[in-house]
Structures are given as C-alpha cells and as structure tokens.
N, C-alpha and C. Protein backbone atom coordinates (compact mmCIF):
# COMPACT_ATOMS: atom_id res chain seq x y z
N UNK A 1 3.95 -6.06 4.59
CA UNK A 1 5.07 -5.23 4.19
C UNK A 1 5.82 -5.97 3.08
N UNK A 2 5.92 -5.31 1.94
CA UNK A 2 6.61 -5.93 0.82
C UNK A 2 8.07 -5.50 0.72
N UNK A 3 8.35 -4.29 1.17
CA UNK A 3 9.69 -3.75 1.01
C UNK A 3 9.93 -2.73 2.11
N UNK A 4 11.16 -2.72 2.65
CA UNK A 4 11.51 -1.74 3.67
C UNK A 4 13.00 -1.46 3.57
N UNK A 5 13.33 -0.20 3.38
CA UNK A 5 14.72 0.22 3.32
C UNK A 5 14.85 1.52 4.11
N UNK A 6 16.03 2.11 4.10
CA UNK A 6 16.22 3.39 4.78
C UNK A 6 15.42 4.50 4.10
N UNK A 7 15.12 4.35 2.80
CA UNK A 7 14.45 5.40 2.04
C UNK A 7 12.96 5.18 1.84
N UNK A 8 12.54 3.93 1.69
CA UNK A 8 11.16 3.63 1.33
C UNK A 8 10.62 2.43 2.10
N UNK A 9 9.30 2.40 2.22
CA UNK A 9 8.62 1.18 2.62
C UNK A 9 7.40 1.03 1.72
N UNK A 10 7.08 -0.22 1.40
CA UNK A 10 5.93 -0.52 0.55
C UNK A 10 5.10 -1.57 1.27
N UNK A 11 3.81 -1.26 1.41
CA UNK A 11 2.88 -2.16 2.07
C UNK A 11 1.75 -2.48 1.11
N UNK A 12 1.38 -3.76 1.02
CA UNK A 12 0.23 -4.17 0.20
C UNK A 12 -0.96 -4.32 1.13
N UNK A 13 -2.04 -3.66 0.80
CA UNK A 13 -3.27 -3.77 1.57
C UNK A 13 -4.24 -4.57 0.72
N UNK A 14 -4.59 -5.75 1.18
CA UNK A 14 -5.45 -6.65 0.41
C UNK A 14 -6.92 -6.29 0.63
N UNK A 15 -7.70 -6.48 -0.40
CA UNK A 15 -9.14 -6.25 -0.33
C UNK A 15 -9.77 -7.25 0.62
N UNK A 16 -10.82 -6.83 1.28
CA UNK A 16 -11.54 -7.67 2.23
C UNK A 16 -13.01 -7.66 1.87
N UNK A 17 -13.57 -8.83 1.70
CA UNK A 17 -15.01 -8.93 1.46
C UNK A 17 -15.74 -8.48 2.71
N UNK A 18 -16.86 -7.78 2.59
CA UNK A 18 -17.57 -7.28 3.78
C UNK A 18 -17.84 -8.35 4.84
N UNK A 19 -18.27 -9.56 4.46
CA UNK A 19 -18.53 -10.61 5.44
C UNK A 19 -17.25 -11.09 6.10
N UNK A 20 -16.15 -11.14 5.32
CA UNK A 20 -14.87 -11.60 5.87
C UNK A 20 -14.33 -10.59 6.86
N UNK A 21 -14.69 -9.32 6.71
CA UNK A 21 -14.20 -8.29 7.62
C UNK A 21 -14.75 -8.50 9.03
N UNK A 22 -15.84 -9.23 9.16
CA UNK A 22 -16.44 -9.45 10.46
C UNK A 22 -15.75 -10.54 11.25
N UNK A 23 -15.02 -11.41 10.59
CA UNK A 23 -14.34 -12.50 11.26
C UNK A 23 -13.26 -11.95 12.17
N UNK A 24 -13.36 -12.26 13.44
CA UNK A 24 -12.35 -11.82 14.39
C UNK A 24 -12.48 -10.37 14.79
N UNK A 25 -13.49 -9.67 14.33
CA UNK A 25 -13.69 -8.27 14.64
C UNK A 25 -14.47 -8.14 15.94
N UNK A 26 -14.04 -7.24 16.79
CA UNK A 26 -14.76 -6.98 18.03
C UNK A 26 -15.99 -6.14 17.69
N UNK A 27 -17.12 -6.80 17.55
CA UNK A 27 -18.34 -6.11 17.13
C UNK A 27 -18.82 -5.11 18.16
N UNK A 28 -18.43 -5.26 19.42
CA UNK A 28 -18.82 -4.30 20.44
C UNK A 28 -18.13 -2.95 20.20
N UNK A 29 -17.02 -2.97 19.48
CA UNK A 29 -16.28 -1.73 19.23
C UNK A 29 -16.89 -0.93 18.09
N UNK A 30 -17.80 -1.52 17.31
CA UNK A 30 -18.44 -0.81 16.21
C UNK A 30 -19.94 -0.83 16.42
N UNK A 31 -20.59 0.25 16.05
CA UNK A 31 -22.02 0.37 16.30
C UNK A 31 -22.87 -0.19 15.17
N UNK A 32 -22.49 0.07 13.93
CA UNK A 32 -23.30 -0.34 12.78
C UNK A 32 -22.39 -0.95 11.72
N UNK A 33 -22.98 -1.73 10.81
CA UNK A 33 -22.15 -2.29 9.73
C UNK A 33 -21.44 -1.22 8.92
N UNK A 34 -22.04 -0.05 8.77
CA UNK A 34 -21.41 1.02 7.99
C UNK A 34 -20.13 1.53 8.65
N UNK A 35 -20.00 1.34 9.96
CA UNK A 35 -18.83 1.82 10.68
C UNK A 35 -17.72 0.77 10.74
N UNK A 36 -18.00 -0.44 10.32
CA UNK A 36 -17.01 -1.51 10.36
C UNK A 36 -16.03 -1.33 9.21
N UNK A 37 -14.73 -1.53 9.47
CA UNK A 37 -13.72 -1.32 8.43
C UNK A 37 -13.77 -2.39 7.34
N UNK A 38 -13.83 -1.95 6.08
CA UNK A 38 -13.83 -2.86 4.95
C UNK A 38 -13.02 -2.22 3.84
N UNK A 39 -12.08 -2.95 3.27
CA UNK A 39 -11.30 -2.48 2.14
C UNK A 39 -11.81 -3.23 0.92
N UNK A 40 -12.46 -2.50 0.00
CA UNK A 40 -13.13 -3.14 -1.12
C UNK A 40 -12.20 -3.51 -2.27
N UNK A 41 -11.06 -2.84 -2.40
CA UNK A 41 -10.11 -3.23 -3.44
C UNK A 41 -8.70 -3.04 -2.91
N UNK A 42 -7.80 -3.83 -3.45
CA UNK A 42 -6.45 -3.83 -2.92
C UNK A 42 -5.70 -2.57 -3.36
N UNK A 43 -4.64 -2.29 -2.65
CA UNK A 43 -3.82 -1.13 -2.99
C UNK A 43 -2.44 -1.26 -2.37
N UNK A 44 -1.61 -0.30 -2.67
CA UNK A 44 -0.24 -0.27 -2.18
C UNK A 44 0.04 1.09 -1.57
N UNK A 45 0.65 1.07 -0.40
CA UNK A 45 1.08 2.31 0.23
C UNK A 45 2.59 2.39 0.07
N UNK A 46 3.05 3.48 -0.51
CA UNK A 46 4.49 3.72 -0.65
C UNK A 46 4.83 4.90 0.24
N UNK A 47 5.74 4.69 1.18
CA UNK A 47 6.17 5.74 2.09
C UNK A 47 7.58 6.15 1.70
N UNK A 48 7.74 7.44 1.43
CA UNK A 48 9.06 8.01 1.16
C UNK A 48 9.57 8.55 2.48
N UNK A 49 10.46 7.81 3.11
CA UNK A 49 10.96 8.18 4.43
C UNK A 49 11.82 9.43 4.37
N UNK A 50 12.39 9.72 3.21
CA UNK A 50 13.25 10.89 3.07
C UNK A 50 12.45 12.18 3.14
N UNK A 51 11.28 12.19 2.50
CA UNK A 51 10.46 13.40 2.47
C UNK A 51 9.37 13.40 3.54
N UNK A 52 9.13 12.23 4.14
CA UNK A 52 8.07 12.13 5.14
C UNK A 52 6.68 12.17 4.53
N UNK A 53 6.55 11.66 3.29
CA UNK A 53 5.26 11.66 2.60
C UNK A 53 4.91 10.25 2.17
N UNK A 54 3.60 10.03 1.96
CA UNK A 54 3.15 8.71 1.51
C UNK A 54 2.22 8.86 0.32
N UNK A 55 2.12 7.77 -0.41
CA UNK A 55 1.28 7.69 -1.60
C UNK A 55 0.52 6.38 -1.54
N UNK A 56 -0.77 6.43 -1.80
CA UNK A 56 -1.57 5.21 -1.83
C UNK A 56 -2.01 4.96 -3.27
N UNK A 57 -1.67 3.79 -3.79
CA UNK A 57 -2.04 3.41 -5.14
C UNK A 57 -3.19 2.42 -5.07
N UNK A 58 -4.28 2.73 -5.77
CA UNK A 58 -5.36 1.75 -5.90
C UNK A 58 -5.89 1.81 -7.32
N UNK A 59 -6.84 0.97 -7.62
CA UNK A 59 -7.41 0.95 -8.97
C UNK A 59 -6.37 0.59 -10.02
N UNK A 60 -6.39 1.32 -11.13
CA UNK A 60 -5.47 1.00 -12.23
C UNK A 60 -4.01 1.26 -11.85
N UNK A 61 -3.76 2.24 -10.96
CA UNK A 61 -2.39 2.47 -10.51
C UNK A 61 -1.88 1.25 -9.74
N UNK A 62 -2.72 0.67 -8.92
CA UNK A 62 -2.34 -0.53 -8.16
C UNK A 62 -2.09 -1.70 -9.10
N UNK A 63 -2.91 -1.83 -10.13
CA UNK A 63 -2.72 -2.92 -11.09
C UNK A 63 -1.39 -2.78 -11.82
N UNK A 64 -1.04 -1.57 -12.21
CA UNK A 64 0.25 -1.34 -12.87
C UNK A 64 1.42 -1.64 -11.93
N UNK A 65 1.28 -1.25 -10.67
CA UNK A 65 2.34 -1.52 -9.70
C UNK A 65 2.44 -3.03 -9.45
N UNK A 66 1.30 -3.72 -9.42
CA UNK A 66 1.28 -5.17 -9.24
C UNK A 66 2.02 -5.85 -10.39
N UNK A 67 1.84 -5.35 -11.60
CA UNK A 67 2.56 -5.89 -12.76
C UNK A 67 4.06 -5.70 -12.59
N UNK A 68 4.46 -4.54 -12.05
CA UNK A 68 5.89 -4.28 -11.81
C UNK A 68 6.45 -5.29 -10.81
N UNK A 69 5.69 -5.55 -9.76
CA UNK A 69 6.12 -6.52 -8.74
C UNK A 69 6.24 -7.91 -9.35
N UNK A 70 5.28 -8.29 -10.19
CA UNK A 70 5.33 -9.60 -10.86
C UNK A 70 6.57 -9.71 -11.73
N UNK A 71 6.91 -8.64 -12.42
CA UNK A 71 8.12 -8.64 -13.27
C UNK A 71 9.37 -8.77 -12.39
N UNK A 72 9.36 -8.11 -11.24
CA UNK A 72 10.50 -8.21 -10.32
C UNK A 72 10.65 -9.64 -9.81
N UNK A 73 9.54 -10.35 -9.62
CA UNK A 73 9.62 -11.72 -9.13
C UNK A 73 10.24 -12.64 -10.17
N UNK A 74 10.06 -12.33 -11.44
CA UNK A 74 10.66 -13.14 -12.52
C UNK A 74 12.13 -12.81 -12.73
N UNK A 75 12.46 -11.54 -12.62
CA UNK A 75 13.83 -11.08 -12.86
C UNK A 75 14.21 -10.18 -11.70
N UNK A 76 14.82 -10.75 -10.67
CA UNK A 76 15.12 -10.03 -9.45
C UNK A 76 15.94 -8.77 -9.73
N UNK A 77 15.38 -7.61 -9.38
CA UNK A 77 16.10 -6.35 -9.63
C UNK A 77 17.14 -6.09 -8.54
N UNK A 78 18.03 -5.17 -8.83
CA UNK A 78 18.98 -4.72 -7.80
C UNK A 78 18.24 -3.77 -6.87
N UNK A 79 18.80 -3.54 -5.71
CA UNK A 79 18.19 -2.59 -4.77
C UNK A 79 18.11 -1.20 -5.41
N UNK A 80 19.11 -0.84 -6.18
CA UNK A 80 19.11 0.46 -6.85
C UNK A 80 17.95 0.58 -7.84
N UNK A 81 17.66 -0.49 -8.57
CA UNK A 81 16.53 -0.47 -9.51
C UNK A 81 15.20 -0.31 -8.77
N UNK A 82 15.05 -1.01 -7.65
CA UNK A 82 13.83 -0.89 -6.86
C UNK A 82 13.71 0.53 -6.32
N UNK A 83 14.78 1.05 -5.76
CA UNK A 83 14.76 2.40 -5.19
C UNK A 83 14.46 3.45 -6.26
N UNK A 84 15.02 3.29 -7.45
CA UNK A 84 14.77 4.24 -8.55
C UNK A 84 13.30 4.22 -8.94
N UNK A 85 12.71 3.03 -9.02
CA UNK A 85 11.29 2.91 -9.37
C UNK A 85 10.43 3.54 -8.29
N UNK A 86 10.72 3.25 -7.04
CA UNK A 86 9.94 3.82 -5.94
C UNK A 86 10.08 5.34 -5.89
N UNK A 87 11.25 5.84 -6.22
CA UNK A 87 11.47 7.29 -6.25
C UNK A 87 10.58 7.95 -7.30
N UNK A 88 10.38 7.27 -8.42
CA UNK A 88 9.50 7.81 -9.46
C UNK A 88 8.06 7.91 -8.95
N UNK A 89 7.60 6.87 -8.28
CA UNK A 89 6.26 6.91 -7.70
C UNK A 89 6.18 7.96 -6.60
N UNK A 90 7.23 8.07 -5.79
CA UNK A 90 7.23 8.99 -4.65
C UNK A 90 7.12 10.45 -5.09
N UNK A 91 7.48 10.74 -6.33
CA UNK A 91 7.32 12.10 -6.84
C UNK A 91 5.86 12.53 -6.82
N UNK A 92 4.94 11.57 -6.84
CA UNK A 92 3.51 11.85 -6.80
C UNK A 92 2.97 12.03 -5.38
N UNK A 93 3.77 11.68 -4.38
CA UNK A 93 3.32 11.71 -2.99
C UNK A 93 3.00 13.13 -2.55
N UNK A 94 1.83 13.29 -1.95
CA UNK A 94 1.38 14.58 -1.45
C UNK A 94 1.05 14.57 0.03
N UNK A 95 0.73 13.41 0.57
CA UNK A 95 0.23 13.32 1.94
C UNK A 95 1.38 13.22 2.94
N UNK A 96 1.53 14.23 3.80
CA UNK A 96 2.56 14.13 4.84
C UNK A 96 2.20 13.02 5.83
N UNK A 97 3.20 12.34 6.33
CA UNK A 97 2.95 11.24 7.25
C UNK A 97 2.27 11.71 8.54
N UNK A 98 2.41 12.98 8.87
CA UNK A 98 1.75 13.50 10.07
C UNK A 98 0.23 13.48 9.92
N UNK A 99 -0.28 13.46 8.68
CA UNK A 99 -1.71 13.39 8.43
C UNK A 99 -2.17 11.96 8.19
N UNK A 100 -1.27 11.06 8.16
CA UNK A 100 -1.52 9.66 7.83
C UNK A 100 -2.33 8.99 8.89
C-alpha cells in the first residue's frame, strides 16, 4: 500500500518471476503450473473510495505513474496535490469494487 486516505488508496503490485512465485506457495492448492498465480509485470491499483470504482495501471501507464511517484519522492507534494492527481486517474476508472 503506497497511499491511503478517505478518498483514495493506491497499491503497488510488484512483478513476480514464475519460479519465485513458487516460493512459499502451497502447491497442493494448485493443480498445474498454469493455475499458479504469477504477475509478469508490475502495476498500480488506484481505488476511488468515493465512487466505489478501481483502476489498474500496467505497462506504459504504470511506468508514467511510477515516474510521478519518483517526482513526489524528490519534491514532497501536499495531500491536495496527491488527491488532485489521483482524481485525474480515477476519471478513467470503470470497474466497480463489487466486481473486484
């Protein structure tokens, strides 16, 4: 979890190499390697708590968001600046949390 407020939460999901996904995994719970959970590239989940919708950024969208986070680490933004940025991304959210 990178950020959590009354309006938004942001979670970073890190990529997992297929072999690393097996470490600590209960192999009895999965039947075949194809059924084992593996995240091949990192992404960010942005939840708009006000609308009850979420957005998952991966690929080039995730890279752009990662750049924004890096800029925030250099020049700490105000909470209002963070919320305004997240609100812009949240406009793209289509998935209701009930389907999440």
